[in-house]
Amino acid sequence: MEQAYHIIFWVLLFVLGSCIFSFLNVVIYRVPRRMDFVRARSICPNCGHQLGVFDLIPVVSYLTLRGKCRYCGGKIGIRDTLLELFGGGLALFVGWYFRQSPATAAAVFLFLCVLHVVTWIDIDTMEIPDGCHLAILILAAVVWAGSGFLAPDAFAAGSGAGILQIPLSSRLIGAVCVSLPMLLVALAVPGGFGGGDIKLMAVCGLFLGWRLILVSTALAILAGGLWGILLMALKKKDRKDHFAFGPFLCAGMTLGLFVGQPLAGWYLGLLKI
């Protein structure tokens, strides 16, 4: 019986993650178009017909409708469905990884949700909405304030939990140790970094602290540099062209959340810090 309860829990967690990412898909589509993503009803982008409940079930609706609109037969892009599956899988992974600390799991998942929105809006528009910066700022403030009300053993997960234990001093340093150099580069080299990227690293530094944000930035620069080299090798970009760097920053911070502490400890150990 206990095993059955565990299976039901993980299935429900997957469904919850898929539903949340289904909503995030709406945010990603509507925010750049300045559309209401809270109260407005969902419509088919091809024919404009208002969608019903059975048209909006994550993953299931796409499969049952065979990737086509029920009303006009127009093709439905698969990206949203793949992201819903990703959201369910991410919820399972975060829930398992931080299984000994539900508060940490919730905070990390919400943070990754915002990074997900940032990634796709930046890919689509080359811009990062200020609402995403505000969401991370609020989350960082809640996490820091809430950590004072939780017992120390609430963070005792051996699988990397500790994001709630980061002291305020580390968070404040994290807010400037990457964003300030990025700002200076942007001032010295026009177009070096976008304002959205700079603000993103400032608020994410508040959430992650200085160690994790530095590791995350190093991973992002490495990945972005390799991507730029690949684009130039394929002659799809030249040295003067720009590409969205936000997705690489988000990917670096995602990796930093799970491998940042051991990487930082290893590197600082080499430097004897």
C-alpha atoms as a PDB file:
ATOM      1  CA  MET A   1       0.000   0.000   0.000  1.00  0.00           C
ATOM      2  CA  GLU A   2       2.807   2.388   0.866  1.00  0.00           C
ATOM      3  CA  GLN A   3       4.421   1.745  -2.513  1.00  0.00           C
ATOM      4  CA  ALA A   4       1.127   2.556  -4.243  1.00  0.00           C
ATOM      5  CA  TYR A   5       0.991   5.884  -2.401  1.00  0.00           C
ATOM      6  CA  HIS A   6       4.526   6.664  -3.567  1.00  0.00           C
ATOM      7  CA  ILE A   7       3.616   5.924  -7.184  1.00  0.00           C
ATOM      8  CA  ILE A   8       0.504   8.099  -6.972  1.00  0.00           C
ATOM      9  CA  PHE A   9       2.552  10.926  -5.435  1.00  0.00           C
ATOM     10  CA  TRP A  10       5.136  10.909  -8.226  1.00  0.00           C
ATOM     11  CA  VAL A  11       2.475  10.657 -10.927  1.00  0.00           C
ATOM     12  CA  LEU A  12       0.646  13.644  -9.440  1.00  0.00           C
ATOM     13  CA  LEU A  13       3.929  15.539  -9.213  1.00  0.00           C
ATOM     14  CA  PHE A  14       4.538  14.899 -12.911  1.00  0.00           C
ATOM     15  CA  VAL A  15       1.033  16.079 -13.772  1.00  0.00           C
ATOM     16  CA  LEU A  16       1.501  19.201 -11.640  1.00  0.00           C
ATOM     17  CA  GLY A  17       4.783  20.039 -13.361  1.00  0.00           C
ATOM     18  CA  SER A  18       3.188  19.557 -16.780  1.00  0.00           C
ATOM     19  CA  CYS A  19       0.245  21.791 -15.881  1.00  0.00           C
ATOM     20  CA  ILE A  20       2.529  24.532 -14.556  1.00  0.00           C
ATOM     21  CA  PHE A  21       4.631  24.470 -17.715  1.00  0.00           C
ATOM     22  CA  SER A  22       1.466  24.505 -19.809  1.00  0.00           C
ATOM     23  CA  PHE A  23       0.607  27.794 -18.120  1.00  0.00           C
ATOM     24  CA  LEU A  24       4.162  29.023 -18.632  1.00  0.00           C
ATOM     25  CA  ASN A  25       3.756  28.331 -22.351  1.00  0.00           C
ATOM     26  CA  VAL A  26       0.851  30.766 -22.286  1.00  0.00           C
ATOM     27  CA  VAL A  27       3.040  33.348 -20.537  1.00  0.00           C
ATOM     28  CA  ILE A  28       5.822  32.856 -23.100  1.00  0.00           C
ATOM     29  CA  TYR A  29       3.404  33.388 -25.988  1.00  0.00           C
ATOM     30  CA  ARG A  30       1.367  36.279 -24.598  1.00  0.00           C
ATOM     31  CA  VAL A  31       3.788  38.490 -22.673  1.00  0.00           C
ATOM     32  CA  PRO A  32       5.796  39.630 -25.740  1.00  0.00           C
ATOM     33  CA  ARG A  33       2.487  40.341 -27.478  1.00  0.00           C
ATOM     34  CA  ARG A  34       1.227  42.316 -24.458  1.00  0.00           C
ATOM     35  CA  MET A  35      -1.749  39.982 -24.051  1.00  0.00           C
ATOM     36  CA  ASP A  36      -3.451  39.147 -20.760  1.00  0.00           C
ATOM     37  CA  PHE A  37      -2.139  35.750 -19.646  1.00  0.00           C
ATOM     38  CA  VAL A  38      -4.316  35.468 -16.525  1.00  0.00           C
ATOM     39  CA  ARG A  39      -7.927  36.186 -17.446  1.00  0.00           C
ATOM     40  CA  ALA A  40      -8.071  35.895 -21.233  1.00  0.00           C
ATOM     41  CA  ARG A  41      -9.328  32.552 -22.574  1.00  0.00           C
ATOM     42  CA  SER A  42      -7.087  30.414 -24.754  1.00  0.00           C
ATOM     43  CA  ILE A  43      -7.712  30.488 -28.493  1.00  0.00           C
ATOM     44  CA  CYS A  44      -6.394  28.668 -31.536  1.00  0.00           C
ATOM     45  CA  PRO A  45      -3.637  30.850 -33.068  1.00  0.00           C
ATOM     46  CA  ASN A  46      -4.761  29.750 -36.556  1.00  0.00           C
ATOM     47  CA  CYS A  47      -8.522  30.344 -36.518  1.00  0.00           C
ATOM     48  CA  GLY A  48      -9.034  32.305 -33.288  1.00  0.00           C
ATOM     49  CA  HIS A  49     -11.652  29.872 -31.950  1.00  0.00           C
ATOM     50  CA  GLN A  50     -11.919  29.764 -28.150  1.00  0.00           C
ATOM     51  CA  LEU A  51     -10.555  26.475 -26.843  1.00  0.00           C
ATOM     52  CA  GLY A  52     -12.462  24.240 -24.453  1.00  0.00           C
ATOM     53  CA  VAL A  53     -11.272  22.356 -21.396  1.00  0.00           C
ATOM     54  CA  PHE A  54     -10.591  19.165 -23.331  1.00  0.00           C
ATOM     55  CA  ASP A  55      -8.415  21.099 -25.782  1.00  0.00           C
ATOM     56  CA  LEU A  56      -6.093  22.259 -23.013  1.00  0.00           C
ATOM     57  CA  ILE A  57      -5.113  19.078 -21.156  1.00  0.00           C
ATOM     58  CA  PRO A  58      -1.291  19.040 -21.147  1.00  0.00           C
ATOM     59  CA  VAL A  59       0.200  16.453 -23.522  1.00  0.00           C
ATOM     60  CA  VAL A  60      -3.055  14.440 -23.696  1.00  0.00           C
ATOM     61  CA  SER A  61      -4.910  16.990 -25.850  1.00  0.00           C
ATOM     62  CA  TYR A  62      -2.082  17.144 -28.372  1.00  0.00           C
ATOM     63  CA  LEU A  63      -1.984  13.366 -28.682  1.00  0.00           C
ATOM     64  CA  THR A  64      -5.745  12.866 -28.925  1.00  0.00           C
ATOM     65  CA  LEU A  65      -6.105  15.680 -31.473  1.00  0.00           C
ATOM     66  CA  ARG A  66      -3.092  14.350 -33.386  1.00  0.00           C
ATOM     67  CA  GLY A  67      -1.438  17.731 -33.425  1.00  0.00           C
ATOM     68  CA  LYS A  68      -4.327  19.543 -35.104  1.00  0.00           C
ATOM     69  CA  CYS A  69      -6.930  22.091 -34.033  1.00  0.00           C
ATOM     70  CA  ARG A  70     -10.315  20.502 -33.352  1.00  0.00           C
ATOM     71  CA  TYR A  71     -12.112  23.400 -35.065  1.00  0.00           C
ATOM     72  CA  CYS A  72     -10.081  24.362 -38.126  1.00  0.00           C
ATOM     73  CA  GLY A  73      -7.732  21.430 -38.570  1.00  0.00           C
ATOM     74  CA  GLY A  74      -4.721  23.741 -38.441  1.00  0.00           C
ATOM     75  CA  LYS A  75      -1.434  22.237 -37.346  1.00  0.00           C
ATOM     76  CA  ILE A  76      -0.458  22.696 -33.692  1.00  0.00           C
ATOM     77  CA  GLY A  77       3.254  23.154 -33.021  1.00  0.00           C
ATOM     78  CA  ILE A  78       4.838  20.429 -30.939  1.00  0.00           C
ATOM     79  CA  ARG A  79       7.067  22.776 -28.916  1.00  0.00           C
ATOM     80  CA  ASP A  80       4.481  23.435 -26.219  1.00  0.00           C
ATOM     81  CA  THR A  81       3.823  19.719 -25.749  1.00  0.00           C
ATOM     82  CA  LEU A  82       7.524  18.930 -25.471  1.00  0.00           C
ATOM     83  CA  LEU A  83       7.909  21.685 -22.888  1.00  0.00           C
ATOM     84  CA  GLU A  84       4.964  20.268 -20.911  1.00  0.00           C
ATOM     85  CA  LEU A  85       6.699  16.895 -20.858  1.00  0.00           C
ATOM     86  CA  PHE A  86       9.906  18.618 -19.824  1.00  0.00           C
ATOM     87  CA  GLY A  87       8.072  20.407 -17.010  1.00  0.00           C
ATOM     88  CA  GLY A  88       6.706  17.143 -15.668  1.00  0.00           C
ATOM     89  CA  GLY A  89      10.135  15.540 -15.822  1.00  0.00           C
ATOM     90  CA  LEU A  90      11.740  18.565 -14.178  1.00  0.00           C
ATOM     91  CA  ALA A  91       9.238  18.433 -11.308  1.00  0.00           C
ATOM     92  CA  LEU A  92      10.089  14.767 -10.770  1.00  0.00           C
ATOM     93  CA  PHE A  93      13.832  15.417 -10.841  1.00  0.00           C
ATOM     94  CA  VAL A  94      13.732  18.408  -8.497  1.00  0.00           C
ATOM     95  CA  GLY A  95      11.360  16.578  -6.141  1.00  0.00           C
ATOM     96  CA  TRP A  96      13.689  13.585  -6.023  1.00  0.00           C
ATOM     97  CA  TYR A  97      16.930  15.569  -5.814  1.00  0.00           C
ATOM     98  CA  PHE A  98      15.725  17.697  -2.905  1.00  0.00           C
ATOM     99  CA  ARG A  99      13.477  14.983  -1.453  1.00  0.00           C
ATOM    100  CA  GLN A 100      14.661  15.630   2.106  1.00  0.00           C
ATOM    101  CA  SER A 101      13.842  19.328   1.895  1.00  0.00           C
ATOM    102  CA  PRO A 102      10.438  20.132   0.341  1.00  0.00           C
ATOM    103  CA  ALA A 103      10.967  23.860   0.950  1.00  0.00           C
ATOM    104  CA  THR A 104      14.168  23.787  -1.095  1.00  0.00           C
ATOM    105  CA  ALA A 105      12.493  21.736  -3.835  1.00  0.00           C
ATOM    106  CA  ALA A 106       9.660  24.274  -4.105  1.00  0.00           C
ATOM    107  CA  ALA A 107      12.024  27.271  -4.188  1.00  0.00           C
ATOM    108  CA  VAL A 108      14.304  25.709  -6.805  1.00  0.00           C
ATOM    109  CA  PHE A 109      11.408  24.613  -9.012  1.00  0.00           C
ATOM    110  CA  LEU A 110       9.858  28.085  -8.968  1.00  0.00           C
ATOM    111  CA  PHE A 111      13.235  29.617  -9.803  1.00  0.00           C
ATOM    112  CA  LEU A 112      13.655  27.229 -12.724  1.00  0.00           C
ATOM    113  CA  CYS A 113      10.142  28.076 -13.905  1.00  0.00           C
ATOM    114  CA  VAL A 114      11.107  31.734 -14.240  1.00  0.00           C
ATOM    115  CA  LEU A 115      14.364  30.817 -15.994  1.00  0.00           C
ATOM    116  CA  HIS A 116      12.303  28.724 -18.394  1.00  0.00           C
ATOM    117  CA  VAL A 117      10.164  31.746 -19.285  1.00  0.00           C
ATOM    118  CA  VAL A 118      13.264  33.936 -19.665  1.00  0.00           C
ATOM    119  CA  THR A 119      14.902  31.395 -21.974  1.00  0.00           C
ATOM    120  CA  TRP A 120      12.082  31.088 -24.457  1.00  0.00           C
ATOM    121  CA  ILE A 121      11.057  34.732 -24.522  1.00  0.00           C
ATOM    122  CA  ASP A 122      14.689  35.704 -25.122  1.00  0.00           C
ATOM    123  CA  ILE A 123      14.947  33.123 -27.922  1.00  0.00           C
ATOM    124  CA  ASP A 124      11.761  34.422 -29.519  1.00  0.00           C
ATOM    125  CA  THR A 125      12.295  38.172 -29.055  1.00  0.00           C
ATOM    126  CA  MET A 126      15.914  38.816 -27.928  1.00  0.00           C
ATOM    127  CA  GLU A 127      14.451  40.563 -24.867  1.00  0.00           C
ATOM    128  CA  ILE A 128      13.912  39.670 -21.211  1.00  0.00           C
ATOM    129  CA  PRO A 129      10.766  41.177 -19.630  1.00  0.00           C
ATOM    130  CA  ASP A 130      11.213  43.119 -16.403  1.00  0.00           C
ATOM    131  CA  GLY A 131       8.413  41.004 -14.910  1.00  0.00           C
ATOM    132  CA  CYS A 132      10.792  38.036 -14.891  1.00  0.00           C
ATOM    133  CA  HIS A 133      13.397  40.064 -12.994  1.00  0.00           C
ATOM    134  CA  LEU A 134      10.751  41.118 -10.483  1.00  0.00           C
ATOM    135  CA  ALA A 135       9.565  37.524 -10.010  1.00  0.00           C
ATOM    136  CA  ILE A 136      13.100  36.330  -9.177  1.00  0.00           C
ATOM    137  CA  LEU A 137      13.664  39.310  -6.872  1.00  0.00           C
ATOM    138  CA  ILE A 138      10.494  38.484  -4.932  1.00  0.00           C
ATOM    139  CA  LEU A 139      11.418  34.795  -4.794  1.00  0.00           C
ATOM    140  CA  ALA A 140      14.904  35.612  -3.486  1.00  0.00           C
ATOM    141  CA  ALA A 141      13.426  37.869  -0.796  1.00  0.00           C
ATOM    142  CA  VAL A 142      10.877  35.235   0.265  1.00  0.00           C
ATOM    143  CA  VAL A 143      13.527  32.497   0.362  1.00  0.00           C
ATOM    144  CA  TRP A 144      15.876  34.613   2.493  1.00  0.00           C
ATOM    145  CA  ALA A 145      13.111  35.773   4.840  1.00  0.00           C
ATOM    146  CA  GLY A 146      11.540  32.325   5.082  1.00  0.00           C
ATOM    147  CA  SER A 147      14.825  30.600   5.955  1.00  0.00           C
ATOM    148  CA  GLY A 148      14.747  32.248   9.377  1.00  0.00           C
ATOM    149  CA  PHE A 149      11.507  30.467  10.273  1.00  0.00           C
ATOM    150  CA  LEU A 150      12.625  26.962   9.326  1.00  0.00           C
ATOM    151  CA  ALA A 151      14.598  24.640  11.557  1.00  0.00           C
ATOM    152  CA  PRO A 152      18.199  23.900  10.482  1.00  0.00           C
ATOM    153  CA  ASP A 153      17.378  20.238   9.876  1.00  0.00           C
ATOM    154  CA  ALA A 154      14.889  21.331   7.229  1.00  0.00           C
ATOM    155  CA  PHE A 155      17.908  21.837   4.966  1.00  0.00           C
ATOM    156  CA  ALA A 156      19.685  18.628   5.863  1.00  0.00           C
ATOM    157  CA  ALA A 157      19.239  16.981   2.467  1.00  0.00           C
ATOM    158  CA  GLY A 158      22.501  15.386   1.492  1.00  0.00           C
ATOM    159  CA  SER A 159      21.794  15.785  -2.219  1.00  0.00           C
ATOM    160  CA  GLY A 160      22.759  19.432  -2.559  1.00  0.00           C
ATOM    161  CA  ALA A 161      20.079  21.266  -0.600  1.00  0.00           C
ATOM    162  CA  GLY A 162      21.274  24.491   0.937  1.00  0.00           C
ATOM    163  CA  ILE A 163      19.951  27.260  -1.279  1.00  0.00           C
ATOM    164  CA  LEU A 164      17.875  28.451   1.669  1.00  0.00           C
ATOM    165  CA  GLN A 165      20.916  28.602   3.939  1.00  0.00           C
ATOM    166  CA  ILE A 166      22.819  31.174   1.882  1.00  0.00           C
ATOM    167  CA  PRO A 167      23.477  34.207   4.124  1.00  0.00           C
ATOM    168  CA  LEU A 168      22.381  37.688   3.150  1.00  0.00           C
ATOM    169  CA  SER A 169      25.980  38.865   2.729  1.00  0.00           C
ATOM    170  CA  SER A 170      26.605  36.182   0.089  1.00  0.00           C
ATOM    171  CA  ARG A 171      23.378  37.113  -1.690  1.00  0.00           C
ATOM    172  CA  LEU A 172      24.258  40.818  -1.777  1.00  0.00           C
ATOM    173  CA  ILE A 173      27.736  40.108  -3.128  1.00  0.00           C
ATOM    174  CA  GLY A 174      26.164  37.749  -5.644  1.00  0.00           C
ATOM    175  CA  ALA A 175      23.912  40.557  -6.867  1.00  0.00           C
ATOM    176  CA  VAL A 176      26.888  42.680  -7.985  1.00  0.00           C
ATOM    177  CA  CYS A 177      29.845  40.344  -8.565  1.00  0.00           C
ATOM    178  CA  VAL A 178      28.624  39.415 -12.056  1.00  0.00           C
ATOM    179  CA  SER A 179      26.106  42.094 -12.978  1.00  0.00           C
ATOM    180  CA  LEU A 180      28.495  44.998 -12.267  1.00  0.00           C
ATOM    181  CA  PRO A 181      31.315  43.696 -14.530  1.00  0.00           C
ATOM    182  CA  MET A 182      28.680  42.979 -17.205  1.00  0.00           C
ATOM    183  CA  LEU A 183      27.463  46.569 -16.891  1.00  0.00           C
ATOM    184  CA  LEU A 184      31.002  47.912 -17.244  1.00  0.00           C
ATOM    185  CA  VAL A 185      31.558  45.769 -20.341  1.00  0.00           C
ATOM    186  CA  ALA A 186      28.263  46.985 -21.815  1.00  0.00           C
ATOM    187  CA  LEU A 187      29.301  50.598 -21.230  1.00  0.00           C
ATOM    188  CA  ALA A 188      32.751  50.072 -22.726  1.00  0.00           C
ATOM    189  CA  VAL A 189      31.595  47.892 -25.633  1.00  0.00           C
ATOM    190  CA  PRO A 190      28.147  48.875 -26.939  1.00  0.00           C
ATOM    191  CA  GLY A 191      26.084  45.733 -27.383  1.00  0.00           C
ATOM    192  CA  GLY A 192      28.474  43.672 -25.255  1.00  0.00           C
ATOM    193  CA  PHE A 193      25.640  42.682 -22.936  1.00  0.00           C
ATOM    194  CA  GLY A 194      21.970  43.589 -22.975  1.00  0.00           C
ATOM    195  CA  GLY A 195      20.297  45.358 -20.081  1.00  0.00           C
ATOM    196  CA  GLY A 196      18.020  42.384 -19.565  1.00  0.00           C
ATOM    197  CA  ASP A 197      21.006  40.057 -19.100  1.00  0.00           C
ATOM    198  CA  ILE A 198      22.581  42.424 -16.575  1.00  0.00           C
ATOM    199  CA  LYS A 199      19.410  42.731 -14.510  1.00  0.00           C
ATOM    200  CA  LEU A 200      18.891  38.967 -14.722  1.00  0.00           C
ATOM    201  CA  MET A 201      22.297  38.252 -13.183  1.00  0.00           C
ATOM    202  CA  ALA A 202      21.713  40.831 -10.453  1.00  0.00           C
ATOM    203  CA  VAL A 203      18.477  39.282  -9.205  1.00  0.00           C
ATOM    204  CA  CYS A 204      19.703  35.721  -9.741  1.00  0.00           C
ATOM    205  CA  GLY A 205      22.793  36.575  -7.693  1.00  0.00           C
ATOM    206  CA  LEU A 206      20.458  37.467  -4.839  1.00  0.00           C
ATOM    207  CA  PHE A 207      18.891  34.033  -5.106  1.00  0.00           C
ATOM    208  CA  LEU A 208      22.029  31.958  -5.650  1.00  0.00           C
ATOM    209  CA  GLY A 209      24.718  33.822  -3.680  1.00  0.00           C
ATOM    210  CA  TRP A 210      28.154  34.735  -4.978  1.00  0.00           C
ATOM    211  CA  ARG A 211      29.663  31.268  -5.286  1.00  0.00           C
ATOM    212  CA  LEU A 212      26.887  29.720  -7.339  1.00  0.00           C
ATOM    213  CA  ILE A 213      26.413  32.784  -9.534  1.00  0.00           C
ATOM    214  CA  LEU A 214      30.132  32.842 -10.392  1.00  0.00           C
ATOM    215  CA  VAL A 215      30.155  29.147 -11.293  1.00  0.00           C
ATOM    216  CA  SER A 216      26.942  29.581 -13.273  1.00  0.00           C
ATOM    217  CA  THR A 217      28.392  32.514 -15.202  1.00  0.00           C
ATOM    218  CA  ALA A 218      31.546  30.574 -16.058  1.00  0.00           C
ATOM    219  CA  LEU A 219      29.434  27.697 -17.400  1.00  0.00           C
ATOM    220  CA  ALA A 220      27.249  30.128 -19.368  1.00  0.00           C
ATOM    221  CA  ILE A 221      30.225  31.925 -20.954  1.00  0.00           C
ATOM    222  CA  LEU A 222      31.799  28.588 -21.900  1.00  0.00           C
ATOM    223  CA  ALA A 223      28.595  27.306 -23.496  1.00  0.00           C
ATOM    224  CA  GLY A 224      27.813  30.630 -25.201  1.00  0.00           C
ATOM    225  CA  GLY A 225      31.352  30.913 -26.531  1.00  0.00           C
ATOM    226  CA  LEU A 226      31.250  27.421 -28.008  1.00  0.00           C
ATOM    227  CA  TRP A 227      27.859  28.163 -29.576  1.00  0.00           C
ATOM    228  CA  GLY A 228      29.177  31.385 -31.103  1.00  0.00           C
ATOM    229  CA  ILE A 229      32.199  29.569 -32.533  1.00  0.00           C
ATOM    230  CA  LEU A 230      29.904  26.916 -34.011  1.00  0.00           C
ATOM    231  CA  LEU A 231      27.654  29.545 -35.636  1.00  0.00           C
ATOM    232  CA  MET A 232      30.655  31.285 -37.165  1.00  0.00           C
ATOM    233  CA  ALA A 233      32.109  27.978 -38.352  1.00  0.00           C
ATOM    234  CA  LEU A 234      28.800  27.218 -40.073  1.00  0.00           C
ATOM    235  CA  LYS A 235      28.814  30.792 -41.458  1.00  0.00           C
ATOM    236  CA  LYS A 236      25.424  31.528 -39.904  1.00  0.00           C
ATOM    237  CA  LYS A 237      26.851  34.431 -37.886  1.00  0.00           C
ATOM    238  CA  ASP A 238      29.881  36.677 -38.058  1.00  0.00           C
ATOM    239  CA  ARG A 239      31.746  38.538 -35.329  1.00  0.00           C
ATOM    240  CA  LYS A 240      29.417  41.536 -35.496  1.00  0.00           C
ATOM    241  CA  ASP A 241      26.201  39.545 -35.154  1.00  0.00           C
ATOM    242  CA  HIS A 242      24.389  39.008 -31.862  1.00  0.00           C
ATOM    243  CA  PHE A 243      22.481  36.049 -30.488  1.00  0.00           C
ATOM    244  CA  ALA A 244      20.359  35.624 -27.377  1.00  0.00           C
ATOM    245  CA  PHE A 245      22.703  35.090 -24.423  1.00  0.00           C
ATOM    246  CA  GLY A 246      19.935  34.778 -21.840  1.00  0.00           C
ATOM    247  CA  PRO A 247      19.328  31.074 -22.570  1.00  0.00           C
ATOM    248  CA  PHE A 248      22.983  30.313 -21.865  1.00  0.00           C
ATOM    249  CA  LEU A 249      22.853  32.279 -18.620  1.00  0.00           C
ATOM    250  CA  CYS A 250      19.738  30.324 -17.617  1.00  0.00           C
ATOM    251  CA  ALA A 251      21.346  27.012 -18.564  1.00  0.00           C
ATOM    252  CA  GLY A 252      24.455  27.926 -16.568  1.00  0.00           C
ATOM    253  CA  MET A 253      22.394  28.778 -13.506  1.00  0.00           C
ATOM    254  CA  THR A 254      20.382  25.573 -13.839  1.00  0.00           C
ATOM    255  CA  LEU A 255      23.573  23.537 -13.871  1.00  0.00           C
ATOM    256  CA  GLY A 256      24.997  25.708 -11.099  1.00  0.00           C
ATOM    257  CA  LEU A 257      22.104  24.785  -8.824  1.00  0.00           C
ATOM    258  CA  PHE A 258      22.971  21.092  -9.034  1.00  0.00           C
ATOM    259  CA  VAL A 259      26.727  20.989  -9.564  1.00  0.00           C
ATOM    260  CA  GLY A 260      27.775  24.494  -8.521  1.00  0.00           C
ATOM    261  CA  GLN A 261      28.679  23.723  -4.909  1.00  0.00           C
ATOM    262  CA  PRO A 262      31.122  20.873  -5.683  1.00  0.00           C
ATOM    263  CA  LEU A 263      32.616  22.821  -8.601  1.00  0.00           C
ATOM    264  CA  ALA A 264      33.057  25.925  -6.449  1.00  0.00           C
ATOM    265  CA  GLY A 265      34.566  23.886  -3.625  1.00  0.00           C
ATOM    266  CA  TRP A 266      36.982  22.199  -6.010  1.00  0.00           C
ATOM    267  CA  TYR A 267      38.079  25.454  -7.655  1.00  0.00           C
ATOM    268  CA  LEU A 268      38.392  27.416  -4.413  1.00  0.00           C
ATOM    269  CA  GLY A 269      40.339  24.496  -2.988  1.00  0.00           C
ATOM    270  CA  LEU A 270      42.860  24.889  -5.788  1.00  0.00           C
ATOM    271  CA  LEU A 271      43.159  28.582  -4.931  1.00  0.00           C
ATOM    272  CA  LYS A 272      43.276  27.803  -1.195  1.00  0.00           C
ATOM    273  CA  ILE A 273      40.304  30.146  -0.554  1.00  0.00           C
END
